[in-house]
Amino acid sequence: MSTIAERVAAGAAFLDEHDPDWWRADVERAIDLNKLNLRSGFTCILAQRCPVSDPRPSPYVAYAAILSGLPAGTGTDLSAIWEWGEPLGITAPQWVPDADMTHDGLTAEWRRVITERRSAS
């Protein structure tokens, strides 16, 4: 498994291609770093960027389904979407014994990347 920094770098590169300017503070649906938390499908990177007006079962799932091309389903079997997001640092691996600690690490790294990009622009 790659490091958190490597996974987030992969996720940032993916978003650069599929959701340009995702990191900017001056765009519609800008990421609020104070609310950013990868433990929640309502405050994570994709949830905050979700362009869907009816994001069921969560904004994260709705936007992940669009970006990945995977079906969002009914919220009962989302394992494919979780697996898609893991190497991109968008979700924490489900098999990690302390997933909350990994979510915290991912959140911190996404904050660092976004802050760095915003400072450089």
N, C-alpha and C. Protein backbone atom coordinates (compact mmCIF):
# COMPACT_ATOMS: atom_id res chain seq x y z
N MET A 1 0.84 -1.19 0.00
CA MET A 1 0.00 0.00 0.00
C MET A 1 0.88 1.24 0.00
N SER A 2 0.50 2.25 -0.73
CA SER A 2 1.27 3.48 -0.80
C SER A 2 1.01 4.35 0.41
N THR A 3 1.83 5.36 0.57
CA THR A 3 1.67 6.26 1.71
C THR A 3 0.47 7.18 1.51
N ILE A 4 0.07 7.82 2.58
CA ILE A 4 -1.03 8.78 2.49
C ILE A 4 -0.68 9.88 1.50
N ALA A 5 0.54 10.41 1.56
CA ALA A 5 0.95 11.48 0.65
C ALA A 5 0.90 11.02 -0.81
N GLU A 6 1.31 9.80 -1.09
CA GLU A 6 1.26 9.28 -2.46
C GLU A 6 -0.18 9.11 -2.93
N ARG A 7 -1.03 8.63 -2.06
CA ARG A 7 -2.43 8.43 -2.43
C ARG A 7 -3.12 9.78 -2.69
N VAL A 8 -2.88 10.75 -1.83
CA VAL A 8 -3.48 12.07 -2.03
C VAL A 8 -2.93 12.73 -3.29
N ALA A 9 -1.66 12.56 -3.56
CA ALA A 9 -1.08 13.10 -4.80
C ALA A 9 -1.78 12.48 -6.01
N ALA A 10 -2.04 11.19 -5.96
CA ALA A 10 -2.75 10.52 -7.06
C ALA A 10 -4.18 11.07 -7.18
N GLY A 11 -4.84 11.28 -6.05
CA GLY A 11 -6.19 11.84 -6.06
C GLY A 11 -6.21 13.26 -6.59
N ALA A 12 -5.24 14.06 -6.21
CA ALA A 12 -5.16 15.44 -6.69
C ALA A 12 -4.94 15.46 -8.21
N ALA A 13 -4.07 14.59 -8.69
CA ALA A 13 -3.82 14.50 -10.14
C ALA A 13 -5.10 14.07 -10.87
N PHE A 14 -5.83 13.12 -10.30
CA PHE A 14 -7.09 12.67 -10.90
C PHE A 14 -8.08 13.83 -10.96
N LEU A 15 -8.21 14.56 -9.85
CA LEU A 15 -9.14 15.69 -9.83
C LEU A 15 -8.70 16.81 -10.77
N ASP A 16 -7.39 17.03 -10.89
CA ASP A 16 -6.90 18.04 -11.83
C ASP A 16 -7.40 17.74 -13.24
N GLU A 17 -7.45 16.47 -13.58
CA GLU A 17 -7.90 16.06 -14.92
C GLU A 17 -9.42 16.09 -15.05
N HIS A 18 -10.13 15.65 -14.02
CA HIS A 18 -11.58 15.45 -14.13
C HIS A 18 -12.43 16.55 -13.48
N ASP A 19 -11.83 17.39 -12.65
CA ASP A 19 -12.55 18.48 -11.98
C ASP A 19 -11.57 19.65 -11.81
N PRO A 20 -11.16 20.25 -12.95
CA PRO A 20 -10.16 21.32 -12.89
C PRO A 20 -10.56 22.42 -11.90
N ASP A 21 -9.56 22.97 -11.27
CA ASP A 21 -9.73 24.05 -10.28
C ASP A 21 -10.45 23.60 -9.02
N TRP A 22 -10.52 22.30 -8.78
CA TRP A 22 -11.19 21.74 -7.60
C TRP A 22 -10.64 22.31 -6.30
N TRP A 23 -9.40 22.70 -6.27
CA TRP A 23 -8.71 23.14 -5.06
C TRP A 23 -8.87 24.63 -4.78
N ARG A 24 -9.33 25.38 -5.76
CA ARG A 24 -9.41 26.84 -5.62
C ARG A 24 -10.47 27.27 -4.62
N ALA A 25 -10.22 28.40 -3.96
CA ALA A 25 -11.16 28.94 -2.98
C ALA A 25 -12.21 29.82 -3.64
N ASP A 26 -11.98 30.22 -4.89
CA ASP A 26 -12.85 31.19 -5.56
C ASP A 26 -13.74 30.56 -6.63
N VAL A 27 -14.02 29.26 -6.50
CA VAL A 27 -14.88 28.59 -7.46
C VAL A 27 -16.18 28.16 -6.79
N GLU A 28 -17.17 27.89 -7.63
CA GLU A 28 -18.42 27.35 -7.11
C GLU A 28 -18.14 26.00 -6.45
N ARG A 29 -18.75 25.74 -5.32
CA ARG A 29 -18.56 24.51 -4.55
C ARG A 29 -17.11 24.37 -4.08
N ALA A 30 -16.51 25.51 -3.68
CA ALA A 30 -15.14 25.48 -3.18
C ALA A 30 -15.06 24.65 -1.90
N ILE A 31 -13.95 24.00 -1.72
CA ILE A 31 -13.75 23.17 -0.53
C ILE A 31 -13.50 24.07 0.67
N ASP A 32 -14.30 23.90 1.69
CA ASP A 32 -14.15 24.62 2.95
C ASP A 32 -13.21 23.80 3.83
N LEU A 33 -12.00 24.30 4.01
CA LEU A 33 -11.01 23.55 4.78
C LEU A 33 -11.40 23.39 6.24
N ASN A 34 -12.22 24.29 6.75
CA ASN A 34 -12.68 24.17 8.14
C ASN A 34 -13.67 23.02 8.32
N LYS A 35 -14.38 22.69 7.27
CA LYS A 35 -15.36 21.60 7.32
C LYS A 35 -14.80 20.27 6.81
N LEU A 36 -13.68 20.33 6.10
CA LEU A 36 -13.13 19.14 5.46
C LEU A 36 -12.88 18.02 6.47
N ASN A 37 -13.47 16.86 6.21
CA ASN A 37 -13.30 15.69 7.07
C ASN A 37 -13.62 14.46 6.25
N LEU A 38 -12.62 13.63 6.03
CA LEU A 38 -12.81 12.45 5.18
C LEU A 38 -13.55 11.32 5.88
N ARG A 39 -13.92 11.50 7.13
CA ARG A 39 -14.74 10.49 7.81
C ARG A 39 -16.19 10.55 7.35
N SER A 40 -16.57 11.65 6.72
CA SER A 40 -17.98 11.87 6.38
C SER A 40 -18.18 12.00 4.87
N GLY A 41 -19.20 11.34 4.37
CA GLY A 41 -19.61 11.45 2.97
C GLY A 41 -20.33 12.75 2.69
N PHE A 42 -20.35 13.64 3.68
CA PHE A 42 -20.99 14.94 3.51
C PHE A 42 -20.01 16.10 3.63
N THR A 43 -18.77 15.84 4.08
CA THR A 43 -17.79 16.91 4.24
C THR A 43 -16.43 16.58 3.62
N CYS A 44 -16.31 15.46 2.96
CA CYS A 44 -15.05 15.06 2.34
C CYS A 44 -14.82 15.87 1.05
N ILE A 45 -13.71 15.60 0.38
CA ILE A 45 -13.37 16.30 -0.85
C ILE A 45 -14.50 16.20 -1.89
N LEU A 46 -14.92 15.00 -2.21
CA LEU A 46 -15.93 14.82 -3.26
C LEU A 46 -17.28 15.35 -2.84
N ALA A 47 -17.64 15.21 -1.58
CA ALA A 47 -18.93 15.71 -1.12
C ALA A 47 -19.02 17.22 -1.31
N GLN A 48 -17.95 17.91 -0.98
CA GLN A 48 -17.97 19.36 -1.10
C GLN A 48 -17.93 19.82 -2.56
N ARG A 49 -17.42 19.00 -3.45
CA ARG A 49 -17.35 19.36 -4.86
C ARG A 49 -18.54 18.82 -5.66
N CYS A 50 -19.41 18.06 -5.05
CA CYS A 50 -20.50 17.38 -5.75
C CYS A 50 -21.44 18.36 -6.46
N PRO A 51 -21.59 18.20 -7.79
CA PRO A 51 -22.47 19.08 -8.55
C PRO A 51 -23.91 18.57 -8.66
N VAL A 52 -24.21 17.45 -8.02
CA VAL A 52 -25.51 16.82 -8.16
C VAL A 52 -26.52 17.46 -7.21
N SER A 53 -27.71 17.79 -7.71
CA SER A 53 -28.70 18.46 -6.87
C SER A 53 -29.39 17.52 -5.90
N ASP A 54 -29.44 16.24 -6.22
CA ASP A 54 -30.05 15.26 -5.33
C ASP A 54 -29.04 14.14 -5.08
N PRO A 55 -28.08 14.38 -4.19
CA PRO A 55 -26.96 13.45 -4.02
C PRO A 55 -27.25 12.28 -3.10
N ARG A 56 -28.00 11.30 -3.59
CA ARG A 56 -28.29 10.12 -2.76
C ARG A 56 -27.32 9.01 -3.06
N PRO A 57 -26.92 8.23 -2.12
CA PRO A 57 -27.22 8.30 -0.70
C PRO A 57 -26.40 9.35 0.05
N SER A 58 -25.33 9.87 -0.57
CA SER A 58 -24.56 10.97 0.01
C SER A 58 -23.90 11.72 -1.14
N PRO A 59 -23.48 12.96 -0.90
CA PRO A 59 -22.78 13.69 -1.96
C PRO A 59 -21.51 12.97 -2.40
N TYR A 60 -20.80 12.36 -1.45
CA TYR A 60 -19.58 11.62 -1.81
C TYR A 60 -19.91 10.51 -2.80
N VAL A 61 -20.90 9.70 -2.49
CA VAL A 61 -21.25 8.57 -3.34
C VAL A 61 -21.72 9.06 -4.71
N ALA A 62 -22.53 10.10 -4.73
CA ALA A 62 -23.05 10.61 -5.99
C ALA A 62 -21.92 11.09 -6.90
N TYR A 63 -20.98 11.86 -6.37
CA TYR A 63 -19.90 12.37 -7.20
C TYR A 63 -18.88 11.29 -7.53
N ALA A 64 -18.61 10.40 -6.59
CA ALA A 64 -17.70 9.28 -6.87
C ALA A 64 -18.25 8.43 -8.01
N ALA A 65 -19.55 8.21 -8.03
CA ALA A 65 -20.15 7.42 -9.10
C ALA A 65 -19.97 8.11 -10.45
N ILE A 66 -20.14 9.43 -10.48
CA ILE A 66 -19.94 10.18 -11.72
C ILE A 66 -18.49 10.08 -12.18
N LEU A 67 -17.56 10.34 -11.28
CA LEU A 67 -16.14 10.36 -11.64
C LEU A 67 -15.60 8.98 -11.99
N SER A 68 -16.07 7.96 -11.29
CA SER A 68 -15.55 6.60 -11.49
C SER A 68 -16.27 5.84 -12.60
N GLY A 69 -17.50 6.25 -12.88
CA GLY A 69 -18.30 5.50 -13.84
C GLY A 69 -18.99 4.29 -13.23
N LEU A 70 -18.84 4.13 -11.92
CA LEU A 70 -19.48 3.01 -11.22
C LEU A 70 -20.89 3.40 -10.81
N PRO A 71 -21.80 2.45 -10.73
CA PRO A 71 -23.16 2.78 -10.28
C PRO A 71 -23.17 3.14 -8.81
N ALA A 72 -23.95 4.14 -8.45
CA ALA A 72 -24.05 4.56 -7.05
C ALA A 72 -24.85 3.57 -6.23
N GLY A 73 -25.70 2.80 -6.85
CA GLY A 73 -26.49 1.81 -6.13
C GLY A 73 -27.50 2.47 -5.19
N THR A 74 -27.90 1.72 -4.23
CA THR A 74 -28.90 2.20 -3.29
C THR A 74 -28.30 2.53 -1.94
N GLY A 75 -27.01 2.42 -1.82
CA GLY A 75 -26.36 2.69 -0.55
C GLY A 75 -26.10 1.43 0.24
N THR A 76 -26.52 0.29 -0.28
CA THR A 76 -26.33 -0.95 0.47
C THR A 76 -25.02 -1.64 0.13
N ASP A 77 -24.55 -1.52 -1.10
CA ASP A 77 -23.28 -2.14 -1.47
C ASP A 77 -22.44 -1.10 -2.20
N LEU A 78 -21.61 -0.40 -1.45
CA LEU A 78 -20.79 0.65 -2.02
C LEU A 78 -19.33 0.25 -2.07
N SER A 79 -19.05 -1.02 -1.93
CA SER A 79 -17.66 -1.47 -1.84
C SER A 79 -16.85 -1.10 -3.08
N ALA A 80 -17.44 -1.14 -4.26
CA ALA A 80 -16.70 -0.81 -5.48
C ALA A 80 -16.29 0.66 -5.47
N ILE A 81 -17.16 1.52 -5.02
CA ILE A 81 -16.83 2.95 -4.94
C ILE A 81 -15.76 3.18 -3.89
N TRP A 82 -15.86 2.50 -2.75
CA TRP A 82 -14.81 2.63 -1.72
C TRP A 82 -13.48 2.15 -2.26
N GLU A 83 -13.47 1.03 -2.95
CA GLU A 83 -12.23 0.49 -3.51
C GLU A 83 -11.65 1.42 -4.56
N TRP A 84 -12.50 2.05 -5.37
CA TRP A 84 -12.05 3.01 -6.37
C TRP A 84 -11.35 4.19 -5.69
N GLY A 85 -11.91 4.68 -4.59
CA GLY A 85 -11.38 5.87 -3.93
C GLY A 85 -10.13 5.66 -3.10
N GLU A 86 -9.88 4.44 -2.67
CA GLU A 86 -8.74 4.18 -1.77
C GLU A 86 -7.39 4.57 -2.37
N PRO A 87 -7.04 4.15 -3.58
CA PRO A 87 -5.72 4.51 -4.11
C PRO A 87 -5.60 6.00 -4.44
N LEU A 88 -6.72 6.70 -4.48
CA LEU A 88 -6.72 8.14 -4.75
C LEU A 88 -6.74 8.96 -3.46
N GLY A 89 -6.69 8.30 -2.31
CA GLY A 89 -6.71 9.02 -1.04
C GLY A 89 -8.03 9.69 -0.76
N ILE A 90 -9.07 9.25 -1.44
CA ILE A 90 -10.41 9.83 -1.26
C ILE A 90 -11.17 9.10 -0.17
N THR A 91 -10.84 7.85 0.03
CA THR A 91 -11.41 7.06 1.12
C THR A 91 -10.28 6.31 1.80
N ALA A 92 -10.51 5.95 3.04
CA ALA A 92 -9.54 5.15 3.79
C ALA A 92 -9.80 3.68 3.50
N PRO A 93 -8.76 2.86 3.48
CA PRO A 93 -8.96 1.43 3.27
C PRO A 93 -9.87 0.85 4.34
N GLN A 94 -10.79 0.03 3.92
CA GLN A 94 -11.75 -0.55 4.85
C GLN A 94 -11.14 -1.59 5.78
N TRP A 95 -10.00 -2.14 5.41
CA TRP A 95 -9.40 -3.21 6.19
C TRP A 95 -8.45 -2.69 7.27
N VAL A 96 -8.19 -1.38 7.31
CA VAL A 96 -7.27 -0.83 8.31
C VAL A 96 -7.93 -0.92 9.68
N PRO A 97 -7.24 -1.49 10.68
CA PRO A 97 -7.84 -1.64 12.01
C PRO A 97 -8.31 -0.32 12.61
N ASP A 98 -7.55 0.76 12.43
CA ASP A 98 -7.94 2.06 12.97
C ASP A 98 -8.21 3.01 11.81
N ALA A 99 -9.34 2.82 11.14
CA ALA A 99 -9.66 3.60 9.96
C ALA A 99 -9.80 5.08 10.28
N ASP A 100 -10.27 5.43 11.50
CA ASP A 100 -10.41 6.83 11.85
C ASP A 100 -9.07 7.55 11.81
N MET A 101 -8.03 6.86 12.29
CA MET A 101 -6.71 7.45 12.27
C MET A 101 -6.27 7.70 10.82
N THR A 102 -6.58 6.79 9.93
CA THR A 102 -6.25 6.95 8.52
C THR A 102 -7.07 8.08 7.91
N HIS A 103 -8.34 8.18 8.25
CA HIS A 103 -9.16 9.30 7.77
C HIS A 103 -8.55 10.62 8.23
N ASP A 104 -8.11 10.67 9.47
CA ASP A 104 -7.49 11.90 9.99
C ASP A 104 -6.23 12.24 9.20
N GLY A 105 -5.42 11.24 8.91
CA GLY A 105 -4.21 11.46 8.13
C GLY A 105 -4.51 11.93 6.73
N LEU A 106 -5.51 11.33 6.10
CA LEU A 106 -5.92 11.75 4.76
C LEU A 106 -6.45 13.19 4.78
N THR A 107 -7.27 13.50 5.76
CA THR A 107 -7.81 14.85 5.87
C THR A 107 -6.69 15.86 6.02
N ALA A 108 -5.73 15.58 6.87
CA ALA A 108 -4.61 16.49 7.08
C ALA A 108 -3.80 16.68 5.80
N GLU A 109 -3.58 15.60 5.06
CA GLU A 109 -2.80 15.70 3.82
C GLU A 109 -3.56 16.47 2.75
N TRP A 110 -4.87 16.24 2.62
CA TRP A 110 -5.66 17.02 1.66
C TRP A 110 -5.62 18.50 2.04
N ARG A 111 -5.75 18.82 3.32
CA ARG A 111 -5.66 20.22 3.75
C ARG A 111 -4.31 20.82 3.36
N ARG A 112 -3.25 20.07 3.58
CA ARG A 112 -1.91 20.56 3.26
C ARG A 112 -1.78 20.84 1.76
N VAL A 113 -2.23 19.89 0.92
CA VAL A 113 -2.14 20.06 -0.53
C VAL A 113 -2.95 21.25 -1.00
N ILE A 114 -4.16 21.36 -0.53
CA ILE A 114 -5.05 22.46 -0.95
C ILE A 114 -4.47 23.80 -0.49
N THR A 115 -4.02 23.87 0.75
CA THR A 115 -3.45 25.11 1.27
C THR A 115 -2.21 25.52 0.47
N GLU A 116 -1.37 24.55 0.16
CA GLU A 116 -0.17 24.81 -0.64
C GLU A 116 -0.53 25.35 -2.02
N ARG A 117 -1.51 24.73 -2.66
CA ARG A 117 -1.93 25.19 -3.99
C ARG A 117 -2.54 26.58 -3.93
N ARG A 118 -3.37 26.81 -2.92
CA ARG A 118 -4.00 28.13 -2.80
C ARG A 118 -2.97 29.22 -2.53
N SER A 119 -1.96 28.91 -1.74
CA SER A 119 -0.91 29.87 -1.43
C SER A 119 -0.06 30.20 -2.65
N ALA A 120 0.13 29.22 -3.52
CA ALA A 120 0.97 29.39 -4.70
C ALA A 120 0.26 30.13 -5.83
N SER A 121 -1.06 30.22 -5.76
CA SER A 121 -1.79 30.84 -6.89
C SER A 121 -1.93 32.34 -6.73
